């Protein structure tokens, strides 16, 4: 049976960062998927990566240009080879319920809660698409415990 894997922003970042200690683990997991499996990202991930690229600090290190090109090519690779899931109307209710449940369970204040909005959007997309969310963020482990239908895997 095939699965859909929705890669979170940090997983994509590991792939585009040649110095990441997690890069090889993520690559190995990707290569171990079956040909029937689908790999996707949320449009939110592309927004986050575009922001990262726009704020990428150029340093005088000799490999900074190489790293920036790798980051840019990562975004181009996603656009060309991975499915990109847009936000949808169906996810509105999921988002609202996830955020409310997280606030209820954690007691987090409203200001701090807003910092997780992009994570709630990505989780909502994974739930609505029936995808396995792949991330290194602990917040998703908490969301799985709420019984809202999120499947989650940590590849690192």
C-alpha atoms as a PDB file:
ATOM      1  CA  UNK A   1       0.000   0.000   0.000  1.00  0.00           C
ATOM      2  CA  UNK A   2       1.428   3.347  -0.981  1.00  0.00           C
ATOM      3  CA  UNK A   3       1.778   6.271   1.386  1.00  0.00           C
ATOM      4  CA  UNK A   4       2.097  10.000   1.053  1.00  0.00           C
ATOM      5  CA  UNK A   5       4.947  11.566   3.004  1.00  0.00           C
ATOM      6  CA  UNK A   6       4.683  15.279   3.727  1.00  0.00           C
ATOM      7  CA  UNK A   7       8.134  16.649   4.498  1.00  0.00           C
ATOM      8  CA  UNK A   8       8.301  19.460   7.033  1.00  0.00           C
ATOM      9  CA  UNK A   9      10.545  22.450   6.497  1.00  0.00           C
ATOM     10  CA  UNK A  10      13.285  21.175   8.788  1.00  0.00           C
ATOM     11  CA  UNK A  11      13.557  17.944   6.795  1.00  0.00           C
ATOM     12  CA  UNK A  12      13.998  19.909   3.572  1.00  0.00           C
ATOM     13  CA  UNK A  13      16.558  22.101   5.332  1.00  0.00           C
ATOM     14  CA  UNK A  14      18.569  19.016   6.296  1.00  0.00           C
ATOM     15  CA  UNK A  15      18.613  17.952   2.665  1.00  0.00           C
ATOM     16  CA  UNK A  16      19.800  21.349   1.436  1.00  0.00           C
ATOM     17  CA  UNK A  17      22.425  21.849   4.141  1.00  0.00           C
ATOM     18  CA  UNK A  18      25.565  20.033   3.090  1.00  0.00           C
ATOM     19  CA  UNK A  19      26.888  20.296   6.665  1.00  0.00           C
ATOM     20  CA  UNK A  20      23.806  18.916   8.402  1.00  0.00           C
ATOM     21  CA  UNK A  21      24.528  15.812  10.475  1.00  0.00           C
ATOM     22  CA  UNK A  22      20.997  14.643   9.587  1.00  0.00           C
ATOM     23  CA  UNK A  23      21.325  14.930   5.821  1.00  0.00           C
ATOM     24  CA  UNK A  24      22.400  11.339   5.152  1.00  0.00           C
ATOM     25  CA  UNK A  25      19.691   9.878   7.413  1.00  0.00           C
ATOM     26  CA  UNK A  26      17.004  11.807   5.551  1.00  0.00           C
ATOM     27  CA  UNK A  27      18.422  10.818   2.157  1.00  0.00           C
ATOM     28  CA  UNK A  28      18.555   7.167   3.213  1.00  0.00           C
ATOM     29  CA  UNK A  29      14.922   7.245   4.327  1.00  0.00           C
ATOM     30  CA  UNK A  30      13.838   8.900   1.080  1.00  0.00           C
ATOM     31  CA  UNK A  31      15.669   6.297  -0.982  1.00  0.00           C
ATOM     32  CA  UNK A  32      14.099   3.492   1.051  1.00  0.00           C
ATOM     33  CA  UNK A  33      10.544   4.493   0.110  1.00  0.00           C
ATOM     34  CA  UNK A  34       8.719   2.379  -2.429  1.00  0.00           C
ATOM     35  CA  UNK A  35       8.156   3.630  -5.957  1.00  0.00           C
ATOM     36  CA  UNK A  36       4.439   3.842  -5.206  1.00  0.00           C
ATOM     37  CA  UNK A  37       4.980   6.196  -2.276  1.00  0.00           C
ATOM     38  CA  UNK A  38       4.507   9.893  -2.894  1.00  0.00           C
ATOM     39  CA  UNK A  39       6.619  12.668  -1.390  1.00  0.00           C
ATOM     40  CA  UNK A  40       5.224  16.150  -0.971  1.00  0.00           C
ATOM     41  CA  UNK A  41       5.602  19.433   0.847  1.00  0.00           C
ATOM     42  CA  UNK A  42       3.086  21.994   1.965  1.00  0.00           C
ATOM     43  CA  UNK A  43       3.089  25.336   0.187  1.00  0.00           C
ATOM     44  CA  UNK A  44       3.846  26.698   3.664  1.00  0.00           C
ATOM     45  CA  UNK A  45       7.256  25.006   3.496  1.00  0.00           C
ATOM     46  CA  UNK A  46       8.057  26.834   0.272  1.00  0.00           C
ATOM     47  CA  UNK A  47       7.101  30.125   1.917  1.00  0.00           C
ATOM     48  CA  UNK A  48       9.378  29.341   4.856  1.00  0.00           C
ATOM     49  CA  UNK A  49      12.250  28.375   2.572  1.00  0.00           C
ATOM     50  CA  UNK A  50      11.814  31.488   0.443  1.00  0.00           C
ATOM     51  CA  UNK A  51      12.056  33.585   3.588  1.00  0.00           C
ATOM     52  CA  UNK A  52      15.181  31.674   4.614  1.00  0.00           C
ATOM     53  CA  UNK A  53      16.744  32.321   1.249  1.00  0.00           C
ATOM     54  CA  UNK A  54      15.832  36.017   1.334  1.00  0.00           C
ATOM     55  CA  UNK A  55      17.443  36.426   4.741  1.00  0.00           C
ATOM     56  CA  UNK A  56      20.409  34.162   4.070  1.00  0.00           C
ATOM     57  CA  UNK A  57      23.407  35.985   5.458  1.00  0.00           C
ATOM     58  CA  UNK A  58      26.314  36.077   3.087  1.00  0.00           C
ATOM     59  CA  UNK A  59      29.541  35.601   4.913  1.00  0.00           C
ATOM     60  CA  UNK A  60      33.112  35.804   3.787  1.00  0.00           C
ATOM     61  CA  UNK A  61      33.490  32.045   4.085  1.00  0.00           C
ATOM     62  CA  UNK A  62      34.652  30.431   0.883  1.00  0.00           C
ATOM     63  CA  UNK A  63      31.751  27.977   0.794  1.00  0.00           C
ATOM     64  CA  UNK A  64      28.919  30.452   1.467  1.00  0.00           C
ATOM     65  CA  UNK A  65      28.160  30.870  -2.247  1.00  0.00           C
ATOM     66  CA  UNK A  66      28.095  27.093  -2.669  1.00  0.00           C
ATOM     67  CA  UNK A  67      25.698  26.740   0.268  1.00  0.00           C
ATOM     68  CA  UNK A  68      23.407  29.443  -1.100  1.00  0.00           C
ATOM     69  CA  UNK A  69      23.324  27.745  -4.509  1.00  0.00           C
ATOM     70  CA  UNK A  70      22.531  24.423  -2.834  1.00  0.00           C
ATOM     71  CA  UNK A  71      19.686  26.091  -0.923  1.00  0.00           C
ATOM     72  CA  UNK A  72      18.328  27.699  -4.099  1.00  0.00           C
ATOM     73  CA  UNK A  73      18.578  24.436  -6.006  1.00  0.00           C
ATOM     74  CA  UNK A  74      16.705  22.735  -3.158  1.00  0.00           C
ATOM     75  CA  UNK A  75      13.764  25.062  -3.689  1.00  0.00           C
ATOM     76  CA  UNK A  76      13.911  24.486  -7.443  1.00  0.00           C
ATOM     77  CA  UNK A  77      14.107  20.724  -6.876  1.00  0.00           C
ATOM     78  CA  UNK A  78      10.946  20.864  -4.752  1.00  0.00           C
ATOM     79  CA  UNK A  79       9.098  22.877  -7.360  1.00  0.00           C
ATOM     80  CA  UNK A  80      10.073  20.470 -10.101  1.00  0.00           C
ATOM     81  CA  UNK A  81      10.012  17.026  -8.497  1.00  0.00           C
ATOM     82  CA  UNK A  82       7.846  17.012  -5.371  1.00  0.00           C
ATOM     83  CA  UNK A  83       4.131  17.438  -5.023  1.00  0.00           C
ATOM     84  CA  UNK A  84       3.191  20.737  -3.457  1.00  0.00           C
ATOM     85  CA  UNK A  85      -0.006  20.732  -1.464  1.00  0.00           C
ATOM     86  CA  UNK A  86      -1.804  24.073  -1.339  1.00  0.00           C
ATOM     87  CA  UNK A  87      -3.791  25.207   1.644  1.00  0.00           C
ATOM     88  CA  UNK A  88      -7.439  24.266   1.274  1.00  0.00           C
ATOM     89  CA  UNK A  89     -10.813  25.158   2.686  1.00  0.00           C
ATOM     90  CA  UNK A  90     -11.097  21.644   4.137  1.00  0.00           C
ATOM     91  CA  UNK A  91      -8.155  22.382   6.417  1.00  0.00           C
ATOM     92  CA  UNK A  92      -9.777  25.383   8.119  1.00  0.00           C
ATOM     93  CA  UNK A  93     -11.692  23.310  10.674  1.00  0.00           C
ATOM     94  CA  UNK A  94      -8.718  21.022  11.243  1.00  0.00           C
ATOM     95  CA  UNK A  95      -6.473  24.028  11.905  1.00  0.00           C
ATOM     96  CA  UNK A  96      -8.917  25.570  14.366  1.00  0.00           C
ATOM     97  CA  UNK A  97      -9.396  22.350  16.289  1.00  0.00           C
ATOM     98  CA  UNK A  98      -5.665  21.575  16.404  1.00  0.00           C
ATOM     99  CA  UNK A  99      -4.767  25.002  17.684  1.00  0.00           C
ATOM    100  CA  UNK A 100      -7.554  25.025  20.286  1.00  0.00           C
ATOM    101  CA  UNK A 101      -6.647  21.518  21.476  1.00  0.00           C
ATOM    102  CA  UNK A 102      -2.957  22.418  21.729  1.00  0.00           C
ATOM    103  CA  UNK A 103      -3.772  25.527  23.780  1.00  0.00           C
ATOM    104  CA  UNK A 104      -6.083  23.511  26.033  1.00  0.00           C
ATOM    105  CA  UNK A 105      -3.579  20.691  26.557  1.00  0.00           C
ATOM    106  CA  UNK A 106      -0.461  22.807  27.054  1.00  0.00           C
ATOM    107  CA  UNK A 107      -1.855  25.940  28.674  1.00  0.00           C
ATOM    108  CA  UNK A 108       0.387  27.960  26.386  1.00  0.00           C
ATOM    109  CA  UNK A 109      -0.333  31.685  26.268  1.00  0.00           C
ATOM    110  CA  UNK A 110      -1.841  33.197  23.135  1.00  0.00           C
ATOM    111  CA  UNK A 111       1.304  35.070  22.098  1.00  0.00           C
ATOM    112  CA  UNK A 112       3.457  31.932  22.304  1.00  0.00           C
ATOM    113  CA  UNK A 113       0.744  29.906  20.583  1.00  0.00           C
ATOM    114  CA  UNK A 114       0.942  32.111  17.473  1.00  0.00           C
ATOM    115  CA  UNK A 115       4.564  31.044  16.973  1.00  0.00           C
ATOM    116  CA  UNK A 116       3.244  27.590  16.080  1.00  0.00           C
ATOM    117  CA  UNK A 117       0.730  28.687  13.434  1.00  0.00           C
ATOM    118  CA  UNK A 118       2.833  27.441  10.519  1.00  0.00           C
ATOM    119  CA  UNK A 119       3.231  24.053  12.219  1.00  0.00           C
ATOM    120  CA  UNK A 120      -0.550  23.849  12.678  1.00  0.00           C
ATOM    121  CA  UNK A 121      -1.035  24.680   8.984  1.00  0.00           C
ATOM    122  CA  UNK A 122       1.408  21.952   7.943  1.00  0.00           C
ATOM    123  CA  UNK A 123      -0.190  19.426  10.306  1.00  0.00           C
ATOM    124  CA  UNK A 124      -3.640  20.359   8.981  1.00  0.00           C
ATOM    125  CA  UNK A 125      -2.436  19.717   5.443  1.00  0.00           C
ATOM    126  CA  UNK A 126      -1.014  16.319   6.413  1.00  0.00           C
ATOM    127  CA  UNK A 127      -4.280  15.308   8.097  1.00  0.00           C
ATOM    128  CA  UNK A 128      -6.473  16.466   5.198  1.00  0.00           C
ATOM    129  CA  UNK A 129      -4.259  14.710   2.632  1.00  0.00           C
ATOM    130  CA  UNK A 130      -3.950  11.507   4.661  1.00  0.00           C
ATOM    131  CA  UNK A 131      -0.185  11.991   4.633  1.00  0.00           C
ATOM    132  CA  UNK A 132       2.495  10.937   7.077  1.00  0.00           C
ATOM    133  CA  UNK A 133       4.127  14.102   8.381  1.00  0.00           C
ATOM    134  CA  UNK A 134       7.913  13.801   8.523  1.00  0.00           C
ATOM    135  CA  UNK A 135       9.580  16.255  10.866  1.00  0.00           C
ATOM    136  CA  UNK A 136      12.033  16.734  13.664  1.00  0.00           C
ATOM    137  CA  UNK A 137       9.679  19.034  15.605  1.00  0.00           C
ATOM    138  CA  UNK A 138       8.391  17.735  18.914  1.00  0.00           C
ATOM    139  CA  UNK A 139       5.119  19.644  18.602  1.00  0.00           C
ATOM    140  CA  UNK A 140       3.890  17.047  16.117  1.00  0.00           C
ATOM    141  CA  UNK A 141       4.449  14.223  18.593  1.00  0.00           C
ATOM    142  CA  UNK A 142       2.137  16.106  20.963  1.00  0.00           C
ATOM    143  CA  UNK A 143      -0.495  16.552  18.245  1.00  0.00           C
ATOM    144  CA  UNK A 144      -0.470  12.808  17.486  1.00  0.00           C
ATOM    145  CA  UNK A 145      -1.390  12.189  21.135  1.00  0.00           C
ATOM    146  CA  UNK A 146      -4.560  14.304  20.718  1.00  0.00           C
ATOM    147  CA  UNK A 147      -6.114  11.670  18.447  1.00  0.00           C
ATOM    148  CA  UNK A 148      -6.871  14.056  15.588  1.00  0.00           C
ATOM    149  CA  UNK A 149      -5.670  11.725  12.839  1.00  0.00           C
ATOM    150  CA  UNK A 150      -2.106  12.934  12.382  1.00  0.00           C
ATOM    151  CA  UNK A 151       0.431  10.306  11.382  1.00  0.00           C
ATOM    152  CA  UNK A 152       3.968  11.331  12.231  1.00  0.00           C
ATOM    153  CA  UNK A 153       7.473   9.997  11.659  1.00  0.00           C
ATOM    154  CA  UNK A 154      10.772  11.411  12.887  1.00  0.00           C
ATOM    155  CA  UNK A 155      13.504  10.500  10.429  1.00  0.00           C
ATOM    156  CA  UNK A 156      16.357  11.856  12.507  1.00  0.00           C
END
